PDB file of N, CA and C in Angstrom:
ATOM      1  N   MET A   1     -34.128  22.782   8.680  1.00  0.00           N
ATOM      2  CA  MET A   1     -34.852  21.508   8.635  1.00  0.00           C
ATOM      3  C   MET A   1     -34.432  20.665   7.548  1.00  0.00           C
ATOM      4  N   SER A   2     -33.977  19.452   7.861  1.00  0.00           N
ATOM      5  CA  SER A   2     -33.537  18.486   6.788  1.00  0.00           C
ATOM      6  C   SER A   2     -34.736  17.773   6.072  1.00  0.00           C
ATOM      7  N   PRO A   3     -34.530  17.444   4.841  1.00  0.00           N
ATOM      8  CA  PRO A   3     -35.646  16.745   4.090  1.00  0.00           C
ATOM      9  C   PRO A   3     -36.036  15.331   4.728  1.00  0.00           C
ATOM     10  N   ASP A   4     -37.197  14.924   4.443  1.00  0.00           N
ATOM     11  CA  ASP A   4     -37.570  13.688   5.068  1.00  0.00           C
ATOM     12  C   ASP A   4     -36.897  12.471   4.321  1.00  0.00           C
ATOM     13  N   PRO A   5     -36.410  11.459   5.068  1.00  0.00           N
ATOM     14  CA  PRO A   5     -35.884  10.276   4.530  1.00  0.00           C
ATOM     15  C   PRO A   5     -36.598   9.541   3.569  1.00  0.00           C
ATOM     16  N   VAL A   6     -36.074   8.972   2.599  1.00  0.00           N
ATOM     17  CA  VAL A   6     -36.787   8.176   1.548  1.00  0.00           C
ATOM     18  C   VAL A   6     -36.147   6.760   1.379  1.00  0.00           C
ATOM     19  N   SER A   7     -36.860   5.985   0.738  1.00  0.00           N
ATOM     20  CA  SER A   7     -36.398   4.469   0.465  1.00  0.00           C
ATOM     21  C   SER A   7     -35.297   4.461  -0.445  1.00  0.00           C
ATOM     22  N   TRP A   8     -34.486   3.407  -0.403  1.00  0.00           N
ATOM     23  CA  TRP A   8     -33.475   3.175  -1.366  1.00  0.00           C
ATOM     24  C   TRP A   8     -33.993   3.023  -2.884  1.00  0.00           C
ATOM     25  N   PHE A   9     -35.241   2.424  -2.898  1.00  0.00           N
ATOM     26  CA  PHE A   9     -35.842   2.268  -4.140  1.00  0.00           C
ATOM     27  C   PHE A   9     -35.990   3.491  -5.069  1.00  0.00           C
ATOM     28  N   VAL A  10     -35.994   4.696  -4.470  1.00  0.00           N
ATOM     29  CA  VAL A  10     -36.166   6.009  -5.190  1.00  0.00           C
ATOM     30  C   VAL A  10     -34.851   6.581  -5.487  1.00  0.00           C
ATOM     31  N   ILE A  11     -33.670   6.156  -5.124  1.00  0.00           N
ATOM     32  CA  ILE A  11     -32.410   6.698  -5.490  1.00  0.00           C
ATOM     33  C   ILE A  11     -32.235   6.704  -7.018  1.00  0.00           C
ATOM     34  N   GLU A  12     -31.883   7.879  -7.612  1.00  0.00           N
ATOM     35  CA  GLU A  12     -31.730   8.032  -9.009  1.00  0.00           C
ATOM     36  C   GLU A  12     -30.275   8.272  -9.330  1.00  0.00           C
ATOM     37  N   HIS A  13     -29.945   8.042 -10.579  1.00  0.00           N
ATOM     38  CA  HIS A  13     -28.676   8.356 -11.193  1.00  0.00           C
ATOM     39  C   HIS A  13     -28.465   9.849 -11.067  1.00  0.00           C
ATOM     40  N   GLY A  14     -27.311  10.365 -10.629  1.00  0.00           N
ATOM     41  CA  GLY A  14     -27.073  11.775 -10.547  1.00  0.00           C
ATOM     42  C   GLY A  14     -27.353  12.405  -9.238  1.00  0.00           C
ATOM     43  N   TRP A  15     -27.963  11.640  -8.240  1.00  0.00           N
ATOM     44  CA  TRP A  15     -28.175  12.257  -6.977  1.00  0.00           C
ATOM     45  C   TRP A  15     -26.796  12.591  -6.366  1.00  0.00           C
ATOM     46  N   LYS A  16     -26.678  13.643  -5.517  1.00  0.00           N
ATOM     47  CA  LYS A  16     -25.527  13.906  -4.876  1.00  0.00           C
ATOM     48  C   LYS A  16     -25.174  12.881  -3.702  1.00  0.00           C
ATOM     49  N   VAL A  17     -23.851  12.613  -3.606  1.00  0.00           N
ATOM     50  CA  VAL A  17     -23.405  11.767  -2.514  1.00  0.00           C
ATOM     51  C   VAL A  17     -22.527  12.688  -1.598  1.00  0.00           C
ATOM     52  N   LEU A  18     -22.766  12.684  -0.314  1.00  0.00           N
ATOM     53  CA  LEU A  18     -22.046  13.599   0.618  1.00  0.00           C
ATOM     54  C   LEU A  18     -21.250  12.620   1.710  1.00  0.00           C
ATOM     55  N   ALA A  19     -20.115  13.184   1.957  1.00  0.00           N
ATOM     56  CA  ALA A  19     -19.425  12.595   3.046  1.00  0.00           C
ATOM     57  C   ALA A  19     -19.953  12.956   4.364  1.00  0.00           C
ATOM     58  N   ALA A  20     -19.457  12.303   5.458  1.00  0.00           N
ATOM     59  CA  ALA A  20     -19.941  12.544   6.809  1.00  0.00           C
ATOM     60  C   ALA A  20     -20.020  14.137   7.151  1.00  0.00           C
ATOM     61  N   ASP A  21     -19.165  14.795   6.661  1.00  0.00           N
ATOM     62  CA  ASP A  21     -19.151  16.273   7.068  1.00  0.00           C
ATOM     63  C   ASP A  21     -20.064  17.106   6.187  1.00  0.00           C
ATOM     64  N   GLY A  22     -20.826  16.396   5.133  1.00  0.00           N
ATOM     65  CA  GLY A  22     -21.639  17.180   4.293  1.00  0.00           C
ATOM     66  C   GLY A  22     -21.143  17.588   3.015  1.00  0.00           C
ATOM     67  N   GLU A  23     -19.795  17.402   2.845  1.00  0.00           N
ATOM     68  CA  GLU A  23     -19.137  17.734   1.605  1.00  0.00           C
ATOM     69  C   GLU A  23     -19.473  16.808   0.490  1.00  0.00           C
ATOM     70  N   GLN A  24     -19.916  17.232  -0.716  1.00  0.00           N
ATOM     71  CA  GLN A  24     -20.103  16.324  -1.818  1.00  0.00           C
ATOM     72  C   GLN A  24     -18.830  15.615  -2.306  1.00  0.00           C
ATOM     73  N   VAL A  25     -18.937  14.323  -2.315  1.00  0.00           N
ATOM     74  CA  VAL A  25     -17.826  13.423  -2.872  1.00  0.00           C
ATOM     75  C   VAL A  25     -18.049  12.917  -4.301  1.00  0.00           C
ATOM     76  N   GLY A  26     -19.230  12.905  -4.809  1.00  0.00           N
ATOM     77  CA  GLY A  26     -19.619  12.413  -6.076  1.00  0.00           C
ATOM     78  C   GLY A  26     -21.086  12.401  -6.333  1.00  0.00           C
ATOM     79  N   LYS A  27     -21.457  11.603  -7.407  1.00  0.00           N
ATOM     80  CA  LYS A  27     -22.865  11.352  -7.716  1.00  0.00           C
ATOM     81  C   LYS A  27     -23.152   9.942  -7.930  1.00  0.00           C
ATOM     82  N   VAL A  28     -24.404   9.597  -7.550  1.00  0.00           N
ATOM     83  CA  VAL A  28     -24.874   8.211  -7.851  1.00  0.00           C
ATOM     84  C   VAL A  28     -24.764   7.858  -9.223  1.00  0.00           C
ATOM     85  N   LYS A  29     -24.124   6.754  -9.594  1.00  0.00           N
ATOM     86  CA  LYS A  29     -24.082   6.135 -10.894  1.00  0.00           C
ATOM     87  C   LYS A  29     -25.065   4.971 -10.916  1.00  0.00           C
ATOM     88  N   GLU A  30     -25.031   4.252  -9.930  1.00  0.00           N
ATOM     89  CA  GLU A  30     -25.943   3.038  -9.928  1.00  0.00           C
ATOM     90  C   GLU A  30     -26.437   2.718  -8.608  1.00  0.00           C
ATOM     91  N   THR A  31     -27.584   2.094  -8.407  1.00  0.00           N
ATOM     92  CA  THR A  31     -27.985   1.460  -7.117  1.00  0.00           C
ATOM     93  C   THR A  31     -27.839   0.028  -7.230  1.00  0.00           C
ATOM     94  N   ILE A  32     -27.201  -0.637  -6.313  1.00  0.00           N
ATOM     95  CA  ILE A  32     -27.044  -2.050  -6.336  1.00  0.00           C
ATOM     96  C   ILE A  32     -27.833  -2.804  -5.377  1.00  0.00           C
ATOM     97  N   GLY A  33     -28.703  -3.773  -5.697  1.00  0.00           N
ATOM     98  CA  GLY A  33     -29.553  -4.387  -4.901  1.00  0.00           C
ATOM     99  C   GLY A  33     -30.461  -5.307  -5.559  1.00  0.00           C
ATOM    100  N   ASP A  34     -31.357  -5.879  -4.859  1.00  0.00           N
ATOM    101  CA  ASP A  34     -32.488  -6.706  -5.350  1.00  0.00           C
ATOM    102  C   ASP A  34     -33.788  -6.278  -4.998  1.00  0.00           C
ATOM    103  N   SER A  35     -34.457  -5.438  -5.795  1.00  0.00           N
ATOM    104  CA  SER A  35     -35.641  -4.716  -5.412  1.00  0.00           C
ATOM    105  C   SER A  35     -36.729  -5.766  -5.098  1.00  0.00           C
ATOM    106  N   GLY A  36     -36.784  -6.877  -5.750  1.00  0.00           N
ATOM    107  CA  GLY A  36     -37.822  -7.937  -5.583  1.00  0.00           C
ATOM    108  C   GLY A  36     -37.712  -8.584  -4.184  1.00  0.00           C
ATOM    109  N   LYS A  37     -36.500  -8.543  -3.613  1.00  0.00           N
ATOM    110  CA  LYS A  37     -36.375  -9.117  -2.172  1.00  0.00           C
ATOM    111  C   LYS A  37     -36.193  -7.908  -1.243  1.00  0.00           C
ATOM    112  N   ASP A  38     -36.250  -6.694  -1.653  1.00  0.00           N
ATOM    113  CA  ASP A  38     -35.932  -5.523  -0.813  1.00  0.00           C
ATOM    114  C   ASP A  38     -34.554  -5.599  -0.130  1.00  0.00           C
ATOM    115  N   ILE A  39     -33.482  -5.963  -0.847  1.00  0.00           N
ATOM    116  CA  ILE A  39     -32.104  -6.047  -0.374  1.00  0.00           C
ATOM    117  C   ILE A  39     -31.226  -4.950  -1.032  1.00  0.00           C
ATOM    118  N   PHE A  40     -30.810  -4.056  -0.237  1.00  0.00           N
ATOM    119  CA  PHE A  40     -29.990  -2.869  -0.602  1.00  0.00           C
ATOM    120  C   PHE A  40     -28.582  -3.211  -0.397  1.00  0.00           C
ATOM    121  N   ASN A  41     -27.777  -3.427  -1.444  1.00  0.00           N
ATOM    122  CA  ASN A  41     -26.328  -3.735  -1.182  1.00  0.00           C
ATOM    123  C   ASN A  41     -25.418  -2.539  -1.206  1.00  0.00           C
ATOM    124  N   GLY A  42     -25.746  -1.466  -1.965  1.00  0.00           N
ATOM    125  CA  GLY A  42     -24.906  -0.322  -1.921  1.00  0.00           C
ATOM    126  C   GLY A  42     -25.144   0.542  -3.205  1.00  0.00           C
ATOM    127  N   ILE A  43     -24.222   1.361  -3.467  1.00  0.00           N
ATOM    128  CA  ILE A  43     -24.273   2.367  -4.542  1.00  0.00           C
ATOM    129  C   ILE A  43     -22.928   2.393  -5.213  1.00  0.00           C
ATOM    130  N   ALA A  44     -22.993   2.616  -6.504  1.00  0.00           N
ATOM    131  CA  ALA A  44     -21.702   2.994  -7.272  1.00  0.00           C
ATOM    132  C   ALA A  44     -21.737   4.481  -7.433  1.00  0.00           C
ATOM    133  N   VAL A  45     -20.611   5.152  -6.968  1.00  0.00           N
ATOM    134  CA  VAL A  45     -20.558   6.589  -6.996  1.00  0.00           C
ATOM    135  C   VAL A  45     -19.469   6.959  -7.966  1.00  0.00           C
ATOM    136  N   THR A  46     -19.817   7.936  -8.884  1.00  0.00           N
ATOM    137  CA  THR A  46     -18.764   8.479  -9.828  1.00  0.00           C
ATOM    138  C   THR A  46     -18.329   9.950  -9.247  1.00  0.00           C
ATOM    139  N   THR A  47     -17.088  10.162  -9.552  1.00  0.00           N
ATOM    140  CA  THR A  47     -16.522  11.426  -9.014  1.00  0.00           C
ATOM    141  C   THR A  47     -16.151  12.484 -10.124  1.00  0.00           C
ATOM    142  N   GLY A  48     -16.373  11.831 -11.286  1.00  0.00           N
ATOM    143  CA  GLY A  48     -16.035  12.718 -12.511  1.00  0.00           C
ATOM    144  C   GLY A  48     -16.387  12.145 -13.844  1.00  0.00           C
ATOM    145  N   LEU A  49     -16.266  12.740 -14.897  1.00  0.00           N
ATOM    146  CA  LEU A  49     -16.619  12.125 -16.188  1.00  0.00           C
ATOM    147  C   LEU A  49     -15.778  11.069 -16.522  1.00  0.00           C
ATOM    148  N   LEU A  50     -14.508  11.167 -16.311  1.00  0.00           N
ATOM    149  CA  LEU A  50     -13.625  10.106 -16.709  1.00  0.00           C
ATOM    150  C   LEU A  50     -13.171   9.200 -15.560  1.00  0.00           C
ATOM    151  N   SER A  51     -13.614   9.371 -14.482  1.00  0.00           N
ATOM    152  CA  SER A  51     -13.208   8.562 -13.304  1.00  0.00           C
ATOM    153  C   SER A  51     -14.091   7.204 -13.198  1.00  0.00           C
ATOM    154  N   ARG A  52     -13.393   6.183 -12.578  1.00  0.00           N
ATOM    155  CA  ARG A  52     -14.155   4.923 -12.409  1.00  0.00           C
ATOM    156  C   ARG A  52     -14.894   5.107 -11.059  1.00  0.00           C
ATOM    157  N   ALA A  53     -16.109   4.455 -11.259  1.00  0.00           N
ATOM    158  CA  ALA A  53     -16.974   4.570 -10.036  1.00  0.00           C
ATOM    159  C   ALA A  53     -16.442   3.839  -8.853  1.00  0.00           C
ATOM    160  N   ARG A  54     -16.837   4.301  -7.701  1.00  0.00           N
ATOM    161  CA  ARG A  54     -16.315   3.583  -6.380  1.00  0.00           C
ATOM    162  C   ARG A  54     -17.717   2.931  -5.866  1.00  0.00           C
ATOM    163  N   TYR A  55     -17.462   1.768  -5.113  1.00  0.00           N
ATOM    164  CA  TYR A  55     -18.494   1.002  -4.576  1.00  0.00           C
ATOM    165  C   TYR A  55     -18.539   1.423  -3.051  1.00  0.00           C
ATOM    166  N   VAL A  56     -19.782   1.854  -2.644  1.00  0.00           N
ATOM    167  CA  VAL A  56     -20.009   2.150  -1.340  1.00  0.00           C
ATOM    168  C   VAL A  56     -21.064   1.083  -0.748  1.00  0.00           C
ATOM    169  N   ALA A  57     -20.625   0.315   0.146  1.00  0.00           N
ATOM    170  CA  ALA A  57     -21.632  -0.683   0.767  1.00  0.00           C
ATOM    171  C   ALA A  57     -22.794   0.036   1.539  1.00  0.00           C
ATOM    172  N   ALA A  58     -23.914  -0.706   1.555  1.00  0.00           N
ATOM    173  CA  ALA A  58     -25.080  -0.163   2.106  1.00  0.00           C
ATOM    174  C   ALA A  58     -24.846   0.162   3.553  1.00  0.00           C
ATOM    175  N   GLU A  59     -23.912  -0.532   4.281  1.00  0.00           N
ATOM    176  CA  GLU A  59     -23.647  -0.190   5.758  1.00  0.00           C
ATOM    177  C   GLU A  59     -23.117   1.203   5.900  1.00  0.00           C
ATOM    178  N   ARG A  60     -22.542   1.819   4.833  1.00  0.00           N
ATOM    179  CA  ARG A  60     -21.874   3.044   4.916  1.00  0.00           C
ATOM    180  C   ARG A  60     -22.832   4.196   4.605  1.00  0.00           C
ATOM    181  N   VAL A  61     -24.146   3.844   4.234  1.00  0.00           N
ATOM    182  CA  VAL A  61     -25.101   4.802   3.937  1.00  0.00           C
ATOM    183  C   VAL A  61     -25.912   5.248   5.163  1.00  0.00           C
ATOM    184  N   VAL A  62     -25.851   6.412   5.639  1.00  0.00           N
ATOM    185  CA  VAL A  62     -26.599   6.701   6.833  1.00  0.00           C
ATOM    186  C   VAL A  62     -27.904   7.458   6.713  1.00  0.00           C
ATOM    187  N   GLU A  63     -28.091   8.078   5.495  1.00  0.00           N
ATOM    188  CA  GLU A  63     -29.271   8.772   5.265  1.00  0.00           C
ATOM    189  C   GLU A  63     -29.495   8.956   3.741  1.00  0.00           C
ATOM    190  N   ILE A  64     -30.698   8.775   3.303  1.00  0.00           N
ATOM    191  CA  ILE A  64     -31.135   8.854   1.963  1.00  0.00           C
ATOM    192  C   ILE A  64     -32.350   9.826   1.996  1.00  0.00           C
ATOM    193  N   SER A  65     -32.178  10.900   1.386  1.00  0.00           N
ATOM    194  CA  SER A  65     -33.313  11.974   1.303  1.00  0.00           C
ATOM    195  C   SER A  65     -33.366  12.327  -0.133  1.00  0.00           C
ATOM    196  N   GLU A  66     -34.536  13.063  -0.526  1.00  0.00           N
ATOM    197  CA  GLU A  66     -34.720  13.316  -1.939  1.00  0.00           C
ATOM    198  C   GLU A  66     -33.403  14.078  -2.587  1.00  0.00           C
ATOM    199  N   GLY A  67     -32.811  13.312  -3.595  1.00  0.00           N
ATOM    200  CA  GLY A  67     -31.724  13.979  -4.307  1.00  0.00           C
ATOM    201  C   GLY A  67     -30.342  13.859  -3.568  1.00  0.00           C
ATOM    202  N   CYS A  68     -30.313  13.124  -2.416  1.00  0.00           N
ATOM    203  CA  CYS A  68     -28.962  13.088  -1.785  1.00  0.00           C
ATOM    204  C   CYS A  68     -28.845  11.846  -0.997  1.00  0.00           C
ATOM    205  N   VAL A  69     -27.678  11.353  -0.955  1.00  0.00           N
ATOM    206  CA  VAL A  69     -27.344  10.146  -0.138  1.00  0.00           C
ATOM    207  C   VAL A  69     -26.065  10.608   0.839  1.00  0.00           C
ATOM    208  N   ARG A  70     -26.262  10.468   2.044  1.00  0.00           N
ATOM    209  CA  ARG A  70     -25.199  10.820   2.957  1.00  0.00           C
ATOM    210  C   ARG A  70     -24.557   9.593   3.480  1.00  0.00           C
ATOM    211  N   LEU A  71     -23.236   9.650   3.586  1.00  0.00           N
ATOM    212  CA  LEU A  71     -22.416   8.431   4.040  1.00  0.00           C
ATOM    213  C   LEU A  71     -21.756   8.764   5.421  1.00  0.00           C
ATOM    214  N   ASP A  72     -21.382   7.755   6.112  1.00  0.00           N
ATOM    215  CA  ASP A  72     -20.636   7.847   7.345  1.00  0.00           C
ATOM    216  C   ASP A  72     -19.105   7.900   7.119  1.00  0.00           C
ATOM    217  N   LEU A  73     -18.650   8.135   5.930  1.00  0.00           N
ATOM    218  CA  LEU A  73     -17.261   8.096   5.623  1.00  0.00           C
ATOM    219  C   LEU A  73     -16.748   9.557   5.447  1.00  0.00           C
ATOM    220  N   SER A  74     -15.584   9.753   5.778  1.00  0.00           N
ATOM    221  CA  SER A  74     -14.797  11.030   5.445  1.00  0.00           C
ATOM    222  C   SER A  74     -14.463  10.969   3.962  1.00  0.00           C
ATOM    223  N   ARG A  75     -14.105  12.119   3.514  1.00  0.00           N
ATOM    224  CA  ARG A  75     -13.761  12.214   2.027  1.00  0.00           C
ATOM    225  C   ARG A  75     -12.508  11.326   1.822  1.00  0.00           C
ATOM    226  N   ASP A  76     -11.558  11.363   2.854  1.00  0.00           N
ATOM    227  CA  ASP A  76     -10.301  10.489   2.740  1.00  0.00           C
ATOM    228  C   ASP A  76     -10.635   9.045   2.618  1.00  0.00           C
ATOM    229  N   ALA A  77     -11.684   8.658   3.518  1.00  0.00           N
ATOM    230  CA  ALA A  77     -11.970   7.142   3.580  1.00  0.00           C
ATOM    231  C   ALA A  77     -12.795   6.906   2.237  1.00  0.00           C
ATOM    232  N   PHE A  78     -13.639   7.720   1.791  1.00  0.00           N
ATOM    233  CA  PHE A  78     -14.330   7.487   0.591  1.00  0.00           C
ATOM    234  C   PHE A  78     -13.301   7.358  -0.588  1.00  0.00           C
ATOM    235  N   GLU A  79     -12.299   8.134  -0.735  1.00  0.00           N
ATOM    236  CA  GLU A  79     -11.351   8.032  -1.797  1.00  0.00           C
ATOM    237  C   GLU A  79     -10.502   6.764  -1.695  1.00  0.00           C
ATOM    238  N   ARG A  80     -10.453   6.062  -0.583  1.00  0.00           N
ATOM    239  CA  ARG A  80      -9.730   4.877  -0.593  1.00  0.00           C
ATOM    240  C   ARG A  80     -10.582   3.588  -0.848  1.00  0.00           C
ATOM    241  N   LEU A  81     -11.985   3.820  -1.155  1.00  0.00           N
ATOM    242  CA  LEU A  81     -12.811   2.675  -1.490  1.00  0.00           C
ATOM    243  C   LEU A  81     -12.363   2.050  -2.854  1.00  0.00           C
ATOM    244  N   GLY A  82     -12.661   0.811  -3.010  1.00  0.00           N
ATOM    245  CA  GLY A  82     -12.379   0.190  -4.279  1.00  0.00           C
ATOM    246  C   GLY A  82     -13.304   0.691  -5.395  1.00  0.00           C
ATOM    247  N   THR A  83     -12.875   0.327  -6.565  1.00  0.00           N
ATOM    248  CA  THR A  83     -13.744   0.611  -7.775  1.00  0.00           C
ATOM    249  C   THR A  83     -14.887  -0.262  -7.978  1.00  0.00           C
ATOM    250  N   PHE A  84     -15.838   0.152  -8.602  1.00  0.00           N
ATOM    251  CA  PHE A  84     -17.052  -0.754  -8.896  1.00  0.00           C
ATOM    252  C   PHE A  84     -16.944  -1.306 -10.234  1.00  0.00           C
ATOM    253  N   ASP A  85     -16.852  -2.679 -10.239  1.00  0.00           N
ATOM    254  CA  ASP A  85     -16.842  -3.365 -11.629  1.00  0.00           C
ATOM    255  C   ASP A  85     -18.154  -4.063 -11.886  1.00  0.00           C
ATOM    256  N   GLU A  86     -18.850  -3.564 -12.867  1.00  0.00           N
ATOM    257  CA  GLU A  86     -20.068  -4.210 -13.048  1.00  0.00           C
ATOM    258  C   GLU A  86     -19.904  -5.666 -13.524  1.00  0.00           C
ATOM    259  N   PRO A  87     -20.771  -6.501 -13.062  1.00  0.00           N
ATOM    260  CA  PRO A  87     -20.653  -8.029 -13.578  1.00  0.00           C
ATOM    261  C   PRO A  87     -21.231  -8.051 -14.970  1.00  0.00           C
ATOM    262  N   PRO A  88     -20.724  -8.847 -15.692  1.00  0.00           N
ATOM    263  CA  PRO A  88     -21.271  -9.192 -17.126  1.00  0.00           C
ATOM    264  C   PRO A  88     -22.751  -9.579 -16.981  1.00  0.00           C
ATOM    265  N   PRO A  89     -23.530  -9.352 -17.954  1.00  0.00           N
ATOM    266  CA  PRO A  89     -24.964  -9.614 -17.894  1.00  0.00           C
ATOM    267  C   PRO A  89     -25.288 -11.076 -17.615  1.00  0.00           C
ATOM    268  N   SER A  90     -24.397 -11.875 -18.230  1.00  0.00           N
ATOM    269  CA  SER A  90     -24.590 -13.390 -18.055  1.00  0.00           C
ATOM    270  C   SER A  90     -24.417 -13.803 -16.641  1.00  0.00           C
ATOM    271  N   ALA A  91     -23.326 -13.095 -15.966  1.00  0.00           N
ATOM    272  CA  ALA A  91     -23.080 -13.449 -14.576  1.00  0.00           C
ATOM    273  C   ALA A  91     -24.089 -13.006 -13.578  1.00  0.00           C
ATOM    274  N   ALA A  92     -24.760 -11.915 -13.961  1.00  0.00           N
ATOM    275  CA  ALA A  92     -25.820 -11.323 -13.127  1.00  0.00           C
ATOM    276  C   ALA A  92     -27.061 -12.164 -13.113  1.00  0.00           C
ATOM    277  N   VAL A  93     -27.446 -12.805 -14.144  1.00  0.00           N
ATOM    278  CA  VAL A  93     -28.713 -13.566 -14.272  1.00  0.00           C
ATOM    279  C   VAL A  93     -28.353 -14.997 -14.767  1.00  0.00           C
ATOM    280  N   GLY A  94     -28.825 -15.911 -14.160  1.00  0.00           N
ATOM    281  CA  GLY A  94     -28.663 -17.333 -14.521  1.00  0.00           C
ATOM    282  C   GLY A  94     -28.445 -18.271 -13.456  1.00  0.00           C
ATOM    283  N   PRO A  95     -28.543 -19.533 -13.723  1.00  0.00           N
ATOM    284  CA  PRO A  95     -28.453 -20.560 -12.675  1.00  0.00           C
ATOM    285  C   PRO A  95     -26.804 -20.621 -12.171  1.00  0.00           C
ATOM    286  N   GLU A  96     -26.725 -21.047 -10.951  1.00  0.00           N
ATOM    287  CA  GLU A  96     -25.384 -21.140 -10.418  1.00  0.00           C
ATOM    288  C   GLU A  96     -24.785 -22.378 -11.131  1.00  0.00           C
ATOM    289  N   THR A  97     -23.491 -22.478 -11.450  1.00  0.00           N
ATOM    290  CA  THR A  97     -22.907 -23.500 -12.277  1.00  0.00           C
ATOM    291  C   THR A  97     -21.760 -24.045 -11.409  1.00  0.00           C
ATOM    292  N   THR A  98     -21.615 -25.411 -11.595  1.00  0.00           N
ATOM    293  CA  THR A  98     -20.543 -25.995 -10.882  1.00  0.00           C
ATOM    294  C   THR A  98     -19.760 -26.987 -12.010  1.00  0.00           C
ATOM    295  N   ASP A  99     -18.659 -27.381 -11.531  1.00  0.00           N
ATOM    296  CA  ASP A  99     -17.854 -28.417 -12.397  1.00  0.00           C
ATOM    297  C   ASP A  99     -18.142 -29.778 -12.098  1.00  0.00           C
ATOM    298  N   ILE A 100     -18.963 -30.033 -11.121  1.00  0.00           N
ATOM    299  CA  ILE A 100     -19.361 -31.388 -10.663  1.00  0.00           C
ATOM    300  C   ILE A 100     -20.484 -31.890 -11.517  1.00  0.00           C
ATOM    301  N   GLU A 101     -20.230 -33.107 -12.080  1.00  0.00           N
ATOM    302  CA  GLU A 101     -21.221 -33.721 -12.978  1.00  0.00           C
ATOM    303  C   GLU A 101     -22.268 -34.402 -11.974  1.00  0.00           C
ATOM    304  N   PRO A 102     -23.539 -34.341 -12.234  1.00  0.00           N
ATOM    305  CA  PRO A 102     -24.602 -34.984 -11.487  1.00  0.00           C
ATOM    306  C   PRO A 102     -24.357 -36.588 -11.499  1.00  0.00           C
ATOM    307  N   ARG A 103     -24.729 -37.319 -10.495  1.00  0.00           N
ATOM    308  CA  ARG A 103     -24.667 -38.750 -10.482  1.00  0.00           C
ATOM    309  C   ARG A 103     -25.833 -39.416 -10.803  1.00  0.00           C
TER     310      ARG A 103
END
């Protein structure tokens, strides 16, 4: 019997991330989304102490259960994902800027 599904809100750092075949491909480093608007964008997954985290879009997450996130990707497909680059704090929060002067 598999564990009951849970919300993306409860995903924690260090949870196992599994490929489609159930093989562990890494651990959750960070959850990306807007909890105020209930928008889940994805997760950053680390594969080792010195490795760069990979970004997994929410569309690739098929199941979230206590302590585990399962993807629809094979290990090979996961390893081809791009790295996750955290935005600087000033870019994450603040008004949108333009180069156009108001008239």
